[in-house]
């Protein structure tokens, strides 16, 4: 089973569990909205990812150097999908646990969903760039790009600054919180058993 299929199954299962009909808590609604977004992005990522994976090799320097910006974007999407599946599986396994940190895990899922949404947009834009670029050139010609925009001005008003600039803007504003860990803090009493344990640990640490 590939990552997209796993994400669909896990997101659907978690969405059912946290559906508003079962709970009215704010955190449950956050989970439901986030998993609904993951489900939607997962449905549309497949075709865009497959298309870019097919055309990306055309922009390699040569057969011995399989690397370019399109391949890098595909790798980032794969990493984000890995993260989405990992966090979704963790939520599915621990959501009934007494020690399940609902707020923190909801924030994780929201961050992953936001990142996948922007990566999905980047995949579509990158696919358009690949179609507009000449063979052997990574970026489309500026003059041809402007002519293309004039022809499709009504359909693509959002690309006023050029498709290349839109890609850079999406990339620079991408939600990157899902690629980093979150701090976990503990508060303990200064006395009692914790204080004794801390003192013993300090003694052994000196040796």
Protein backbone atom coordinates (compact mmCIF):
# COMPACT_ATOMS: atom_id res chain seq x y z
CA UNK A 1 0.00 0.00 0.00
CA UNK A 2 1.47 3.38 -1.00
CA UNK A 3 1.55 6.53 1.11
CA UNK A 4 -1.47 8.15 -0.51
CA UNK A 5 -3.64 5.08 0.06
CA UNK A 6 -2.47 4.83 3.67
CA UNK A 7 -3.19 8.51 4.21
CA UNK A 8 -6.69 8.14 2.79
CA UNK A 9 -7.53 5.21 5.05
CA UNK A 10 -6.08 6.77 8.20
CA UNK A 11 -7.59 10.19 7.57
CA UNK A 12 -11.02 8.71 6.91
CA UNK A 13 -10.83 6.58 10.07
CA UNK A 14 -9.77 9.52 12.23
CA UNK A 15 -12.35 11.80 10.64
CA UNK A 16 -15.08 9.32 11.54
CA UNK A 17 -13.81 9.11 15.12
CA UNK A 18 -13.62 12.89 15.61
CA UNK A 19 -16.76 13.72 13.62
CA UNK A 20 -18.94 16.47 15.16
CA UNK A 21 -21.81 14.02 15.64
CA UNK A 22 -19.75 12.13 18.20
CA UNK A 23 -18.25 15.05 20.08
CA UNK A 24 -18.74 18.79 20.41
CA UNK A 25 -15.39 19.70 21.95
CA UNK A 26 -13.26 22.32 20.23
CA UNK A 27 -10.30 19.98 19.88
CA UNK A 28 -12.43 17.31 18.21
CA UNK A 29 -13.64 19.86 15.68
CA UNK A 30 -10.03 20.85 15.00
CA UNK A 31 -9.14 17.20 14.40
CA UNK A 32 -12.17 16.73 12.13
CA UNK A 33 -11.35 19.80 10.04
CA UNK A 34 -7.67 18.86 9.76
CA UNK A 35 -8.35 15.26 8.73
CA UNK A 36 -10.99 16.44 6.25
CA UNK A 37 -8.31 18.65 4.68
CA UNK A 38 -5.85 15.75 4.58
CA UNK A 39 -8.49 13.61 2.90
CA UNK A 40 -9.17 16.27 0.27
CA UNK A 41 -5.51 17.00 -0.44
CA UNK A 42 -4.73 13.28 -0.62
CA UNK A 43 -7.34 12.78 -3.36
CA UNK A 44 -5.80 15.45 -5.58
CA UNK A 45 -2.11 14.94 -4.85
CA UNK A 46 -1.92 11.66 -6.73
CA UNK A 47 -2.53 12.93 -10.30
CA UNK A 48 -0.35 16.04 -9.84
CA UNK A 49 2.47 14.00 -8.30
CA UNK A 50 2.29 11.36 -11.04
CA UNK A 51 2.36 14.00 -13.78
CA UNK A 52 5.38 15.83 -12.36
CA UNK A 53 7.21 12.54 -11.72
CA UNK A 54 6.75 11.69 -15.38
CA UNK A 55 8.14 14.97 -16.77
CA UNK A 56 10.84 15.65 -14.13
CA UNK A 57 13.48 13.37 -15.77
CA UNK A 58 13.31 15.55 -18.90
CA UNK A 59 15.07 18.34 -16.99
CA UNK A 60 18.01 16.35 -15.63
CA UNK A 61 21.47 17.56 -16.61
CA UNK A 62 22.15 14.14 -18.10
CA UNK A 63 21.30 10.48 -17.50
CA UNK A 64 24.08 10.18 -14.93
CA UNK A 65 22.82 13.21 -12.98
CA UNK A 66 19.19 12.58 -11.99
CA UNK A 67 18.49 15.83 -10.19
CA UNK A 68 16.62 19.10 -10.70
CA UNK A 69 14.18 21.38 -8.93
CA UNK A 70 11.18 19.29 -9.92
CA UNK A 71 12.71 16.17 -8.41
CA UNK A 72 13.46 18.15 -5.24
CA UNK A 73 9.83 19.23 -4.97
CA UNK A 74 8.70 15.62 -5.38
CA UNK A 75 11.05 14.59 -2.56
CA UNK A 76 9.64 17.29 -0.27
CA UNK A 77 6.11 16.08 -1.01
CA UNK A 78 7.16 12.50 -0.19
CA UNK A 79 8.66 13.64 3.13
CA UNK A 80 5.48 15.53 3.99
CA UNK A 81 3.34 12.52 3.07
CA UNK A 82 5.51 10.35 5.30
CA UNK A 83 4.96 12.79 8.13
CA UNK A 84 1.21 12.94 7.50
CA UNK A 85 0.89 9.15 7.57
CA UNK A 86 3.08 8.89 10.66
CA UNK A 87 1.07 11.47 12.64
CA UNK A 88 -2.27 10.10 11.44
CA UNK A 89 -1.27 6.59 12.48
CA UNK A 90 -0.10 7.87 15.88
CA UNK A 91 -3.43 9.64 16.46
CA UNK A 92 -5.38 6.54 15.42
CA UNK A 93 -3.37 4.39 17.85
CA UNK A 94 -3.39 6.73 20.86
CA UNK A 95 -6.58 8.79 20.56
CA UNK A 96 -8.32 6.77 23.30
CA UNK A 97 -5.36 6.86 25.66
CA UNK A 98 -5.61 8.74 28.95
CA UNK A 99 -2.28 10.41 28.21
CA UNK A 100 -3.15 11.45 24.66
CA UNK A 101 -2.17 15.12 24.21
CA UNK A 102 -5.12 16.22 22.09
CA UNK A 103 -4.17 19.87 21.67
CA UNK A 104 -0.58 19.21 20.66
CA UNK A 105 -1.53 16.43 18.24
CA UNK A 106 -4.28 18.56 16.71
CA UNK A 107 -1.68 21.26 16.05
CA UNK A 108 0.57 18.67 14.38
CA UNK A 109 -2.19 17.46 12.06
CA UNK A 110 -3.20 21.04 11.22
CA UNK A 111 0.39 21.91 10.32
CA UNK A 112 0.75 18.84 8.10
CA UNK A 113 -2.57 19.55 6.38
CA UNK A 114 -1.58 23.17 5.70
CA UNK A 115 1.79 22.10 4.29
CA UNK A 116 0.23 19.47 2.03
CA UNK A 117 -2.26 22.03 0.75
CA UNK A 118 0.52 24.40 -0.29
CA UNK A 119 2.62 21.57 -1.73
CA UNK A 120 -0.38 20.49 -3.76
CA UNK A 121 -0.60 24.02 -5.21
CA UNK A 122 3.14 23.99 -5.90
CA UNK A 123 2.85 20.68 -7.75
CA UNK A 124 0.20 22.13 -10.04
CA UNK A 125 2.24 25.29 -10.67
CA UNK A 126 5.40 23.25 -11.25
CA UNK A 127 3.53 21.11 -13.77
CA UNK A 128 2.51 24.26 -15.65
CA UNK A 129 6.09 25.52 -15.59
CA UNK A 130 7.33 22.22 -17.00
CA UNK A 131 4.80 22.41 -19.84
CA UNK A 132 5.79 26.00 -20.69
CA UNK A 133 9.56 25.40 -20.55
CA UNK A 134 11.52 24.54 -23.66
CA UNK A 135 13.32 21.17 -23.81
CA UNK A 136 16.44 21.25 -21.69
CA UNK A 137 15.46 24.46 -19.89
CA UNK A 138 14.29 24.35 -16.29
CA UNK A 139 12.33 27.61 -16.38
CA UNK A 140 9.93 28.93 -19.04
CA UNK A 141 10.97 31.80 -21.29
CA UNK A 142 9.87 35.13 -19.81
CA UNK A 143 8.59 36.55 -23.09
CA UNK A 144 6.64 33.44 -23.94
CA UNK A 145 5.31 33.38 -20.40
CA UNK A 146 4.01 36.95 -20.78
CA UNK A 147 2.37 36.09 -24.11
CA UNK A 148 0.77 33.05 -22.55
CA UNK A 149 -0.57 35.18 -19.73
CA UNK A 150 -2.06 37.72 -22.16
CA UNK A 151 -3.93 34.94 -23.92
CA UNK A 152 -5.27 33.56 -20.65
CA UNK A 153 -5.61 36.80 -18.72
CA UNK A 154 -9.20 36.21 -17.71
CA UNK A 155 -8.62 32.59 -16.73
CA UNK A 156 -5.41 33.11 -14.78
CA UNK A 157 -5.66 36.51 -13.11
CA UNK A 158 -3.90 35.10 -10.08
CA UNK A 159 -0.67 34.77 -12.10
CA UNK A 160 -0.22 38.52 -12.60
CA UNK A 161 3.46 38.45 -11.63
CA UNK A 162 4.28 35.41 -13.76
CA UNK A 163 4.06 31.76 -12.88
CA UNK A 164 7.68 31.64 -11.71
CA UNK A 165 7.02 34.41 -9.19
CA UNK A 166 3.88 32.66 -7.97
CA UNK A 167 5.89 29.49 -7.35
CA UNK A 168 8.52 31.41 -5.38
CA UNK A 169 5.85 33.21 -3.39
CA UNK A 170 4.07 29.96 -2.49
CA UNK A 171 7.38 28.38 -1.51
CA UNK A 172 8.45 31.29 0.71
CA UNK A 173 5.15 31.33 2.59
CA UNK A 174 4.81 27.56 2.96
CA UNK A 175 3.82 26.22 6.37
CA UNK A 176 6.97 24.43 7.57
CA UNK A 177 5.98 23.65 11.15
CA UNK A 178 5.29 20.00 10.34
CA UNK A 179 8.96 19.44 9.46
CA UNK A 180 10.16 20.34 12.97
CA UNK A 181 9.64 18.76 16.37
CA UNK A 182 7.70 20.47 19.12
CA UNK A 183 9.05 21.12 22.60
CA UNK A 184 7.60 19.01 25.37
CA UNK A 185 7.95 20.35 28.89
CA UNK A 186 7.29 18.77 32.26
CA UNK A 187 6.57 20.47 35.57
CA UNK A 188 7.46 18.56 38.73
CA UNK A 189 7.47 19.34 42.42
CA UNK A 190 10.82 20.48 43.75
CA UNK A 191 10.57 18.23 46.78
CA UNK A 192 9.53 14.68 47.53
CA UNK A 193 10.55 11.72 45.46
CA UNK A 194 11.53 13.84 42.45
CA UNK A 195 13.88 15.93 44.53
CA UNK A 196 15.53 12.83 45.96
CA UNK A 197 15.90 11.25 42.55
CA UNK A 198 17.43 14.43 41.19
CA UNK A 199 19.99 14.55 44.01
CA UNK A 200 20.94 10.89 43.51
CA UNK A 201 21.30 11.46 39.78
CA UNK A 202 23.53 14.44 40.44
CA UNK A 203 25.81 12.38 42.69
CA UNK A 204 26.18 9.61 40.10
CA UNK A 205 26.70 12.17 37.34
CA UNK A 206 29.76 13.54 39.16
CA UNK A 207 31.37 10.11 39.02
